[in-house]
Structure formats: C-alpha cells, structure tokens
Protein backbone atom coordinates (compact mmCIF):
# COMPACT_ATOMS: atom_id res chain seq x y z
CA MET A 1 0.79 -66.33 -1.38
CA LYS A 2 -1.78 -64.51 0.74
CA SER A 3 -2.73 -60.92 0.00
CA GLU A 4 -2.12 -58.26 2.65
CA MET A 5 -4.69 -58.10 5.44
CA PRO A 6 -6.66 -54.86 4.99
CA THR A 7 -6.85 -52.12 7.60
CA VAL A 8 -10.32 -51.35 8.92
CA LEU A 9 -11.08 -47.64 8.70
CA ILE A 10 -14.04 -46.60 10.83
CA VAL A 11 -16.01 -43.67 9.41
CA PRO A 12 -18.30 -42.15 12.06
CA GLY A 13 -21.51 -40.30 11.33
CA LEU A 14 -22.20 -36.60 11.81
CA ARG A 15 -22.20 -36.97 15.58
CA ASP A 16 -18.62 -38.33 15.55
CA GLU A 17 -17.53 -41.27 17.69
CA SER A 18 -18.57 -41.81 21.29
CA PRO A 19 -17.34 -44.34 23.88
CA ASP A 20 -20.65 -46.24 23.96
CA HIS A 21 -21.14 -46.44 20.19
CA TRP A 22 -20.78 -49.82 18.46
CA GLN A 23 -18.14 -48.41 16.09
CA THR A 24 -15.89 -47.42 19.00
CA ILE A 25 -16.39 -50.79 20.69
CA LEU A 26 -15.87 -52.60 17.37
CA GLY A 27 -12.53 -50.86 16.93
CA LEU A 28 -11.39 -52.03 20.35
CA TRP A 29 -12.59 -55.58 19.72
CA LEU A 30 -10.84 -55.81 16.36
CA ALA A 31 -7.60 -54.30 17.69
CA ASN A 32 -7.64 -56.79 20.58
CA ASP A 33 -8.05 -59.57 17.99
CA GLY A 34 -4.93 -58.36 16.20
CA TYR A 35 -6.56 -56.57 13.26
CA LYS A 36 -5.33 -53.19 12.06
CA VAL A 37 -7.90 -50.48 12.85
CA GLU A 38 -7.97 -46.73 12.29
CA THR A 39 -10.74 -44.15 12.77
CA VAL A 40 -11.38 -40.95 10.83
CA PRO A 41 -10.57 -38.23 13.41
CA PRO A 42 -13.58 -36.33 14.76
CA ILE A 43 -14.15 -32.72 13.76
CA GLY A 44 -16.85 -31.91 16.32
CA LYS A 45 -20.55 -32.64 16.49
CA SER A 46 -21.45 -29.04 15.69
CA ASN A 47 -19.32 -28.96 12.54
CA ASN A 48 -21.58 -30.01 9.67
CA SER A 49 -19.08 -29.40 6.87
CA CYS A 50 -19.25 -32.12 4.25
CA HIS A 51 -15.98 -30.96 2.70
CA GLN A 52 -14.08 -31.22 5.98
CA ARG A 53 -15.43 -34.70 6.65
CA VAL A 54 -14.52 -35.86 3.14
CA ASP A 55 -11.06 -34.32 3.56
CA GLY A 56 -10.71 -36.15 6.89
CA LEU A 57 -11.63 -39.45 5.26
CA ASP A 58 -9.19 -38.88 2.41
CA GLU A 59 -6.36 -37.98 4.78
CA ALA A 60 -7.05 -41.07 6.89
CA ILE A 61 -6.94 -43.32 3.83
CA GLN A 62 -3.69 -41.72 2.63
CA ARG A 63 -2.07 -42.50 6.00
CA ILE A 64 -2.86 -46.21 5.67
CA ALA A 65 -0.27 -48.35 3.92
CA GLY A 66 -2.05 -51.10 2.01
CA PRO A 67 -5.67 -52.02 1.34
CA THR A 68 -8.54 -50.58 3.38
CA VAL A 69 -12.00 -51.75 4.38
CA LEU A 70 -14.37 -48.90 5.25
CA VAL A 71 -16.90 -49.35 8.05
CA ALA A 72 -19.21 -46.34 7.92
CA HIS A 73 -22.28 -45.46 9.96
CA SER A 74 -25.14 -43.08 9.15
CA GLY A 75 -23.79 -39.81 7.75
CA GLY A 76 -20.42 -41.52 7.40
CA CYS A 77 -21.96 -43.52 4.54
CA ILE A 78 -22.79 -40.27 2.77
CA THR A 79 -19.24 -39.05 3.46
CA VAL A 80 -17.95 -42.18 1.69
CA ALA A 81 -20.21 -41.49 -1.33
CA HIS A 82 -18.99 -37.89 -1.59
CA TRP A 83 -15.38 -39.03 -1.23
CA ALA A 84 -15.78 -41.58 -4.03
CA ALA A 85 -17.54 -39.02 -6.24
CA ARG A 86 -14.61 -36.64 -5.78
CA GLY A 87 -12.53 -39.08 -7.81
CA ALA A 88 -10.21 -39.77 -4.93
CA ASP A 89 -7.67 -42.57 -4.55
CA THR A 90 -10.43 -45.17 -4.46
CA GLN A 91 -8.31 -48.15 -5.51
CA ARG A 92 -7.02 -48.27 -1.94
CA VAL A 93 -10.48 -49.36 -0.77
CA VAL A 94 -11.23 -53.05 -1.24
CA ALA A 95 -14.67 -53.11 0.43
CA ALA A 96 -17.11 -50.97 2.38
CA LEU A 97 -19.79 -51.77 4.92
CA LEU A 98 -22.31 -48.92 4.96
CA ALA A 99 -24.45 -49.17 8.07
CA VAL A 100 -27.89 -47.52 8.01
CA PRO A 101 -27.31 -44.71 5.52
CA PRO A 102 -29.74 -41.85 6.19
CA ASP A 103 -32.16 -40.42 3.64
CA PHE A 104 -30.92 -36.85 3.20
CA ASP A 105 -33.55 -36.25 0.50
CA ARG A 106 -36.24 -35.95 3.17
CA PRO A 107 -36.33 -34.00 6.45
CA LEU A 108 -34.62 -35.83 9.31
CA PRO A 109 -36.12 -36.16 12.79
CA ALA A 110 -35.73 -33.40 15.37
CA GLY A 111 -32.19 -33.13 16.70
CA TYR A 112 -30.59 -33.86 13.31
CA PRO A 113 -29.50 -31.30 10.69
CA SER A 114 -32.28 -29.70 8.69
CA MET A 115 -32.48 -29.84 4.91
CA GLU A 116 -31.30 -26.22 4.86
CA VAL A 117 -28.25 -27.04 6.97
CA LEU A 118 -27.40 -30.06 4.81
CA GLN A 119 -27.71 -27.92 1.68
CA ALA A 120 -25.63 -25.10 3.14
CA HIS A 121 -22.84 -27.52 4.08
CA ALA A 122 -22.71 -29.24 0.66
CA TRP A 123 -24.22 -32.60 1.61
CA LEU A 124 -26.87 -32.20 -1.07
CA PRO A 125 -27.26 -33.59 -3.58
CA VAL A 126 -26.15 -36.98 -2.29
CA PRO A 127 -23.98 -38.74 -4.93
CA LYS A 128 -25.95 -41.60 -6.42
CA ARG A 129 -23.60 -43.20 -8.91
CA ALA A 130 -22.02 -46.61 -8.50
CA LEU A 131 -19.22 -46.79 -5.96
CA PRO A 132 -15.92 -47.97 -7.48
CA PHE A 133 -15.41 -50.70 -4.86
CA PRO A 134 -17.54 -53.57 -3.50
CA SER A 135 -19.97 -52.38 -0.86
CA THR A 136 -22.84 -53.61 1.28
CA ALA A 137 -25.56 -51.42 2.76
CA LEU A 138 -26.67 -52.67 6.17
CA ALA A 139 -30.35 -51.78 6.38
CA SER A 140 -32.75 -51.41 9.28
CA THR A 141 -36.47 -52.07 8.91
CA ASN A 142 -37.40 -49.32 11.39
CA ASP A 143 -34.77 -46.61 11.00
CA PRO A 144 -36.22 -43.18 11.86
CA LEU A 145 -33.70 -41.58 9.48
CA ALA A 146 -34.56 -43.60 6.37
CA SER A 147 -37.22 -45.96 5.14
CA LEU A 148 -36.16 -49.40 3.99
CA ASP A 149 -37.31 -48.48 0.47
CA ALA A 150 -35.09 -45.38 0.49
CA VAL A 151 -32.04 -47.35 1.63
CA THR A 152 -32.71 -50.09 -0.90
CA GLU A 153 -32.97 -47.52 -3.70
CA LEU A 154 -29.79 -45.75 -2.61
CA ALA A 155 -27.96 -49.07 -2.40
CA ALA A 156 -29.04 -49.91 -5.93
CA GLN A 157 -27.70 -46.57 -7.17
CA TRP A 158 -24.41 -47.13 -5.37
CA GLY A 159 -24.17 -50.69 -6.70
CA SER A 160 -24.23 -51.98 -3.13
CA LYS A 161 -25.58 -55.28 -1.91
CA VAL A 162 -28.24 -55.00 0.80
CA HIS A 163 -28.01 -56.91 4.08
CA LEU A 164 -31.16 -56.67 6.18
CA LEU A 165 -30.48 -56.28 9.89
CA GLY A 166 -34.10 -56.30 11.01
CA ALA A 167 -35.58 -53.81 13.47
CA VAL A 168 -32.40 -52.16 14.78
CA GLY A 169 -33.56 -48.54 14.66
CA HIS A 170 -30.69 -46.28 13.62
CA LEU A 171 -28.12 -48.74 14.98
CA ASN A 172 -26.89 -46.28 17.58
CA PRO A 173 -26.75 -46.18 21.39
CA ALA A 174 -30.30 -44.80 21.51
CA SER A 175 -31.38 -47.99 19.72
CA GLY A 176 -29.37 -50.23 22.05
CA PHE A 177 -26.05 -50.46 20.13
CA GLY A 178 -23.65 -50.49 22.13
CA PRO A 179 -21.75 -53.67 21.72
CA TRP A 180 -22.77 -55.25 18.41
CA PRO A 181 -21.33 -58.75 17.94
CA LEU A 182 -22.96 -59.17 14.53
CA GLY A 183 -21.09 -56.10 13.28
CA ARG A 184 -17.82 -57.66 14.39
CA SER A 185 -18.69 -60.87 12.56
CA LEU A 186 -19.62 -59.02 9.37
CA VAL A 187 -16.37 -57.05 9.35
CA ILE A 188 -14.22 -60.12 10.02
CA GLU A 189 -16.04 -61.96 7.23
CA VAL A 190 -15.12 -59.18 4.80
CA LEU A 191 -11.51 -59.08 6.03
CA GLN A 192 -11.06 -62.82 5.69
CA ALA A 193 -12.59 -62.79 2.21
CA ARG A 194 -9.97 -60.20 1.18
CA TYR A 195 -7.07 -62.01 2.86
CA ARG A 196 -6.38 -65.01 0.71
C-alpha cells in the first residue's frame, strides 16, 4: 500500500513571493502536474519579523492534512530552522529542500537587512542544531549572500545533505531564475521517494 503523497509547501524568503520567481513558477508547474501545493502567505517585504514568518509557516503546516515537503528559498531556509527549533509539530514534515540559505552571521549586500535589523527582529542567532527531518541544502558557488563554505558548514550543523547547483548566484530573478526546471525535477524526486 502506497503512503500518502506529500503536499509541497513553498516557503519564500524575506522578499516574499513574486510572479517571476522560480518558487511561484514551480508552484504552478507542480499544481498543473496534479501535485498538491501550498505557499506560506506573504506578510510584506518591509516586515522583517522572524516571529511572524515562523508563525505563518506553522499555521500553513497546520492547515495541511497529511505529510509535507518544504521547499524554502533564502531567508525561508532560516525561517524553517527557527520553526524547527521552536519545537513545533515537526513530524508533519517528511523532507525539506533548502535553496541557497543566506549567511546571517555576516553583513549582507546592500538592499538586504542589516545585522542590526536581523538582530532586532529575532533572526539572530540562527539555530544551528540538527533538523528533525531529512533535508538537503541546495548550494550556489557564487551566492552574494553566502560563501559555499558558510552554506556547507550550516548544512552540516542542520544535518542536511549538500547538493551543489554550480554558479547560480542567489537563485533569484536577478540571477536569471525565473523558470527553473532542475528545481521541479528535484522536488518531484523527493515527492516520489516519499510516495511508495
């Protein structure tokens, strides 16, 4: 007897979802293919509250009946780590793909929240204990928000596997993503591995 097909829950970064972002397009692709897809509702690009984003993730997971696969990008990866550290209902999550987690321990480029803003909104310190579900960090070799070494170290602390994507920048529209067929393939691979 096959297990229940998980729902994909898309966890956007601090800039929320946008129509030309690969996460938004991925959700449409997967839904058109018949997969169950939900997205953590946006709270606004100017709202840097870690607590509100973690609450939003928790509420989205509670609304899903059955197992969940998280697909997080950038600050959404850090949201997932804070949610897991809160001791939430983590058994609902069967896997997580964590795309290009940023290095919040060092100043981010211009246009992103400062260390002071991250501290004031409870993002720091970033939880660095093992996640209680299987996870894979998708790493870029030229991400302006995190060195490959930083992502590899964070993945080791989270107990995540590392999948190297190559030179994909921050895997956002500014880096040319947009439609991202590899992302679709990676998510479907995880879903099919969990649906047996």
